[in-house]
């Protein structure tokens, strides 16, 4: 799973994409992706981590947003910081 900034696409939009690689056949298949309804575009960074419950934690860095989405793409939780605030890489600590 990678955060694809999308700066080599027209129109430009960012997304999280999970790929399945078949090294023998030398093929790549998209098995899951998530993009924002507003087709957000980030020029730098962005991060995503799959959580143990199957959800995905996404850092929309320079948009100042941190999202948790379900496997079907439903927004479950969002943290937003004021404009100009940037999230970096994300990780998740399980509650004990």
N, C-alpha and C. Protein backbone atom coordinates (compact mmCIF):
# COMPACT_ATOMS: atom_id res chain seq x y z
N UNK A 1 0.85 -1.16 0.00
CA UNK A 1 0.00 0.00 0.00
C UNK A 1 0.90 1.22 0.00
N UNK A 2 0.56 2.19 -0.84
CA UNK A 2 1.34 3.41 -0.94
C UNK A 2 0.41 4.62 -1.04
N UNK A 3 0.95 5.77 -0.69
CA UNK A 3 0.26 7.03 -0.92
C UNK A 3 0.76 7.55 -2.26
N UNK A 4 -0.12 7.66 -3.22
CA UNK A 4 0.20 8.11 -4.58
C UNK A 4 -0.18 9.58 -4.69
N UNK A 5 0.83 10.45 -4.72
CA UNK A 5 0.54 11.88 -4.80
C UNK A 5 -0.18 12.26 -6.10
N UNK A 6 0.10 11.57 -7.19
CA UNK A 6 -0.62 11.80 -8.43
C UNK A 6 -0.14 12.97 -9.25
N UNK A 7 1.10 13.40 -9.03
CA UNK A 7 1.58 14.56 -9.77
C UNK A 7 1.95 14.25 -11.22
N UNK A 8 1.89 12.98 -11.63
CA UNK A 8 2.16 12.63 -13.02
C UNK A 8 0.88 12.18 -13.72
N UNK A 9 -0.23 12.67 -13.24
CA UNK A 9 -1.53 12.30 -13.79
C UNK A 9 -2.26 13.60 -14.17
N UNK A 10 -3.09 13.53 -15.19
CA UNK A 10 -3.86 14.70 -15.60
C UNK A 10 -5.32 14.29 -15.71
N UNK A 11 -6.20 14.78 -14.85
CA UNK A 11 -5.96 15.80 -13.84
C UNK A 11 -5.23 15.21 -12.62
N UNK A 12 -4.57 16.08 -11.88
CA UNK A 12 -3.82 15.65 -10.72
C UNK A 12 -4.76 15.42 -9.53
N UNK A 13 -4.62 14.27 -8.88
CA UNK A 13 -5.32 13.98 -7.63
C UNK A 13 -4.52 12.94 -6.87
N UNK A 14 -4.63 12.99 -5.57
CA UNK A 14 -3.89 12.06 -4.72
C UNK A 14 -4.81 10.94 -4.25
N UNK A 15 -4.20 9.78 -3.95
CA UNK A 15 -4.98 8.63 -3.50
C UNK A 15 -4.08 7.69 -2.71
N UNK A 16 -4.72 6.79 -1.99
CA UNK A 16 -4.04 5.67 -1.36
C UNK A 16 -4.37 4.46 -2.22
N UNK A 17 -3.36 3.68 -2.54
CA UNK A 17 -3.59 2.53 -3.42
C UNK A 17 -2.85 1.30 -2.88
N UNK A 18 -3.56 0.18 -2.86
CA UNK A 18 -2.96 -1.10 -2.48
C UNK A 18 -2.79 -1.92 -3.75
N UNK A 19 -1.60 -2.41 -3.95
CA UNK A 19 -1.27 -3.13 -5.19
C UNK A 19 -0.91 -4.58 -4.88
N UNK A 20 -1.25 -5.46 -5.80
CA UNK A 20 -0.81 -6.85 -5.73
C UNK A 20 0.18 -7.06 -6.87
N UNK A 21 1.38 -7.46 -6.50
CA UNK A 21 2.43 -7.68 -7.48
C UNK A 21 2.55 -9.18 -7.75
N UNK A 22 2.59 -9.54 -9.03
CA UNK A 22 2.87 -10.91 -9.43
C UNK A 22 4.23 -10.88 -10.11
N UNK A 23 5.25 -11.24 -9.36
CA UNK A 23 6.62 -11.14 -9.89
C UNK A 23 6.86 -12.09 -11.05
N UNK A 24 6.24 -13.29 -11.02
CA UNK A 24 6.43 -14.24 -12.11
C UNK A 24 5.83 -13.72 -13.41
N UNK A 25 4.60 -13.22 -13.33
CA UNK A 25 3.92 -12.70 -14.53
C UNK A 25 4.32 -11.27 -14.85
N UNK A 26 5.02 -10.62 -13.89
CA UNK A 26 5.44 -9.22 -14.04
C UNK A 26 4.23 -8.31 -14.26
N UNK A 27 3.23 -8.49 -13.40
CA UNK A 27 2.01 -7.68 -13.49
C UNK A 27 1.73 -7.01 -12.14
N UNK A 28 0.95 -5.96 -12.21
CA UNK A 28 0.51 -5.23 -11.02
C UNK A 28 -1.00 -5.06 -11.12
N UNK A 29 -1.68 -5.33 -10.02
CA UNK A 29 -3.14 -5.20 -9.98
C UNK A 29 -3.53 -4.30 -8.81
N UNK A 30 -4.40 -3.33 -9.05
CA UNK A 30 -4.94 -2.50 -7.97
C UNK A 30 -6.01 -3.32 -7.26
N UNK A 31 -5.82 -3.56 -5.95
CA UNK A 31 -6.80 -4.33 -5.19
C UNK A 31 -7.66 -3.46 -4.28
N UNK A 32 -7.21 -2.23 -4.00
CA UNK A 32 -7.98 -1.30 -3.17
C UNK A 32 -7.43 0.10 -3.39
N UNK A 33 -8.32 1.07 -3.42
CA UNK A 33 -7.86 2.46 -3.47
C UNK A 33 -8.86 3.35 -2.76
N UNK A 34 -8.35 4.48 -2.29
CA UNK A 34 -9.19 5.47 -1.64
C UNK A 34 -8.74 6.85 -2.08
N UNK A 35 -9.70 7.66 -2.53
CA UNK A 35 -9.41 9.05 -2.84
C UNK A 35 -10.54 9.90 -2.31
N UNK A 36 -10.25 11.14 -2.09
CA UNK A 36 -11.23 12.07 -1.53
C UNK A 36 -12.28 12.44 -2.57
N UNK A 37 -13.49 12.71 -2.09
CA UNK A 37 -14.57 13.12 -2.99
C UNK A 37 -14.24 14.39 -3.75
N UNK A 38 -13.43 15.25 -3.13
CA UNK A 38 -13.09 16.53 -3.77
C UNK A 38 -11.83 16.43 -4.64
N UNK A 39 -11.36 15.21 -4.88
CA UNK A 39 -10.15 14.98 -5.70
C UNK A 39 -8.97 15.80 -5.20
N UNK A 40 -8.72 15.74 -3.91
CA UNK A 40 -7.62 16.48 -3.30
C UNK A 40 -6.29 16.11 -3.93
N UNK A 41 -5.40 17.09 -4.02
CA UNK A 41 -4.08 16.88 -4.59
C UNK A 41 -3.03 17.39 -3.61
N UNK A 42 -2.10 16.53 -3.24
CA UNK A 42 -1.00 16.88 -2.35
C UNK A 42 0.29 16.86 -3.14
N UNK A 43 1.02 17.94 -3.12
CA UNK A 43 2.27 18.01 -3.87
C UNK A 43 3.39 17.22 -3.20
N UNK A 44 3.29 17.00 -1.88
CA UNK A 44 4.34 16.28 -1.19
C UNK A 44 3.77 15.44 -0.07
N UNK A 45 4.53 14.43 0.27
CA UNK A 45 4.23 13.52 1.37
C UNK A 45 2.88 12.83 1.23
N UNK A 46 2.22 12.62 2.34
CA UNK A 46 1.05 11.75 2.39
C UNK A 46 1.49 10.39 2.89
N UNK A 47 0.64 9.73 3.66
CA UNK A 47 1.02 8.44 4.21
C UNK A 47 -0.23 7.64 4.50
N UNK A 48 -0.09 6.32 4.57
CA UNK A 48 -1.21 5.44 4.88
C UNK A 48 -0.69 4.19 5.57
N UNK A 49 -1.44 3.74 6.55
CA UNK A 49 -1.11 2.51 7.28
C UNK A 49 -2.38 1.69 7.43
N UNK A 50 -2.27 0.39 7.16
CA UNK A 50 -3.39 -0.52 7.40
C UNK A 50 -3.39 -0.87 8.88
N UNK A 51 -4.54 -0.75 9.52
CA UNK A 51 -4.68 -1.05 10.94
C UNK A 51 -5.05 -2.52 11.14
N UNK A 52 -4.86 -3.01 12.34
CA UNK A 52 -5.13 -4.42 12.63
C UNK A 52 -6.61 -4.78 12.47
N UNK A 53 -7.50 -3.78 12.55
CA UNK A 53 -8.93 -4.05 12.37
C UNK A 53 -9.36 -3.99 10.91
N UNK A 54 -8.41 -3.79 9.98
CA UNK A 54 -8.72 -3.75 8.55
C UNK A 54 -8.95 -2.36 8.02
N UNK A 55 -9.13 -1.37 8.91
CA UNK A 55 -9.30 0.01 8.47
C UNK A 55 -7.95 0.58 8.05
N UNK A 56 -7.97 1.75 7.43
CA UNK A 56 -6.75 2.40 6.97
C UNK A 56 -6.66 3.80 7.56
N UNK A 57 -5.50 4.13 8.12
CA UNK A 57 -5.22 5.46 8.66
C UNK A 57 -4.47 6.24 7.59
N UNK A 58 -5.00 7.40 7.20
CA UNK A 58 -4.45 8.18 6.09
C UNK A 58 -4.07 9.57 6.56
N UNK A 59 -2.85 9.99 6.25
CA UNK A 59 -2.39 11.34 6.53
C UNK A 59 -2.41 12.15 5.24
N UNK A 60 -3.32 13.12 5.17
CA UNK A 60 -3.38 14.05 4.04
C UNK A 60 -2.54 15.26 4.49
N UNK A 61 -1.24 15.11 4.43
CA UNK A 61 -0.26 15.98 5.09
C UNK A 61 -0.57 17.46 5.04
N UNK A 62 -0.35 18.11 3.88
CA UNK A 62 -0.48 19.57 3.86
C UNK A 62 -1.92 20.06 3.84
N UNK A 63 -2.89 19.13 3.83
CA UNK A 63 -4.29 19.53 4.03
C UNK A 63 -4.63 19.57 5.52
N UNK A 64 -3.69 19.06 6.36
CA UNK A 64 -3.90 19.07 7.81
C UNK A 64 -4.98 18.11 8.26
N UNK A 65 -5.16 17.00 7.51
CA UNK A 65 -6.20 16.04 7.85
C UNK A 65 -5.62 14.66 8.10
N UNK A 66 -6.21 13.98 9.06
CA UNK A 66 -5.88 12.61 9.38
C UNK A 66 -7.19 11.86 9.41
N UNK A 67 -7.33 10.83 8.55
CA UNK A 67 -8.58 10.08 8.41
C UNK A 67 -8.38 8.62 8.75
N UNK A 68 -9.45 8.01 9.27
CA UNK A 68 -9.53 6.55 9.34
C UNK A 68 -10.71 6.15 8.47
N UNK A 69 -10.45 5.27 7.51
CA UNK A 69 -11.51 4.82 6.61
C UNK A 69 -11.65 3.30 6.70
N UNK A 70 -12.86 2.83 6.47
CA UNK A 70 -13.15 1.40 6.48
C UNK A 70 -12.69 0.78 5.17
N UNK A 71 -12.67 -0.56 5.08
CA UNK A 71 -12.28 -1.20 3.82
C UNK A 71 -13.15 -0.80 2.62
N UNK A 72 -14.41 -0.40 2.88
CA UNK A 72 -15.25 0.04 1.76
C UNK A 72 -15.18 1.55 1.52
N UNK A 73 -14.23 2.22 2.20
CA UNK A 73 -13.98 3.65 1.95
C UNK A 73 -14.80 4.62 2.78
N UNK A 74 -15.59 4.11 3.72
CA UNK A 74 -16.40 4.99 4.57
C UNK A 74 -15.51 5.72 5.57
N UNK A 75 -15.68 7.04 5.65
CA UNK A 75 -14.94 7.84 6.63
C UNK A 75 -15.48 7.53 8.02
N UNK A 76 -14.62 7.02 8.89
CA UNK A 76 -15.02 6.65 10.25
C UNK A 76 -14.62 7.70 11.27
N UNK A 77 -13.53 8.40 11.00
CA UNK A 77 -12.97 9.35 11.97
C UNK A 77 -12.08 10.33 11.22
N UNK A 78 -12.11 11.59 11.62
CA UNK A 78 -11.25 12.60 10.99
C UNK A 78 -10.76 13.58 12.04
N UNK A 79 -9.48 13.92 11.95
CA UNK A 79 -8.90 15.00 12.74
C UNK A 79 -8.46 16.06 11.75
N UNK A 80 -8.84 17.31 12.00
CA UNK A 80 -8.45 18.41 11.13
C UNK A 80 -7.75 19.47 11.96
N UNK A 81 -6.62 19.91 11.46
CA UNK A 81 -5.89 20.99 12.09
C UNK A 81 -6.03 22.25 11.23
N UNK A 82 -5.76 23.42 11.80
CA UNK A 82 -5.92 24.67 11.05
C UNK A 82 -5.07 24.70 9.77
N UNK A 83 -5.54 25.44 8.78
CA UNK A 83 -4.84 25.60 7.52
C UNK A 83 -3.39 26.01 7.78
N UNK A 84 -2.47 25.36 7.12
CA UNK A 84 -1.05 25.63 7.30
C UNK A 84 -0.37 24.63 8.22
N UNK A 85 -1.16 23.83 8.94
CA UNK A 85 -0.61 22.79 9.79
C UNK A 85 -0.44 21.53 8.95
N UNK A 86 0.66 20.84 9.15
CA UNK A 86 0.97 19.67 8.32
C UNK A 86 1.16 18.44 9.19
N UNK A 87 0.48 17.35 8.84
CA UNK A 87 0.74 16.05 9.45
C UNK A 87 1.90 15.42 8.70
N UNK A 88 2.68 14.60 9.37
CA UNK A 88 3.76 13.86 8.73
C UNK A 88 3.36 12.41 8.53
N UNK A 89 4.32 11.53 8.70
CA UNK A 89 4.05 10.10 8.62
C UNK A 89 3.14 9.69 9.76
N UNK A 90 2.38 8.63 9.56
CA UNK A 90 1.45 8.18 10.59
C UNK A 90 1.80 6.79 11.08
N UNK A 91 1.45 6.54 12.33
CA UNK A 91 1.53 5.21 12.89
C UNK A 91 0.40 5.11 13.89
N UNK A 92 0.08 3.93 14.29
CA UNK A 92 -1.05 3.71 15.17
C UNK A 92 -0.60 2.89 16.36
N UNK A 93 -0.95 3.34 17.55
CA UNK A 93 -0.64 2.59 18.77
C UNK A 93 -1.94 1.97 19.26
N UNK A 94 -1.96 0.66 19.40
CA UNK A 94 -3.15 -0.02 19.91
C UNK A 94 -3.37 0.33 21.37
N UNK A 95 -4.62 0.52 21.75
CA UNK A 95 -4.95 0.76 23.15
C UNK A 95 -4.87 -0.54 23.92
N UNK A 96 -4.36 -0.47 25.11
CA UNK A 96 -4.28 -1.65 25.99
C UNK A 96 -5.47 -1.69 26.89
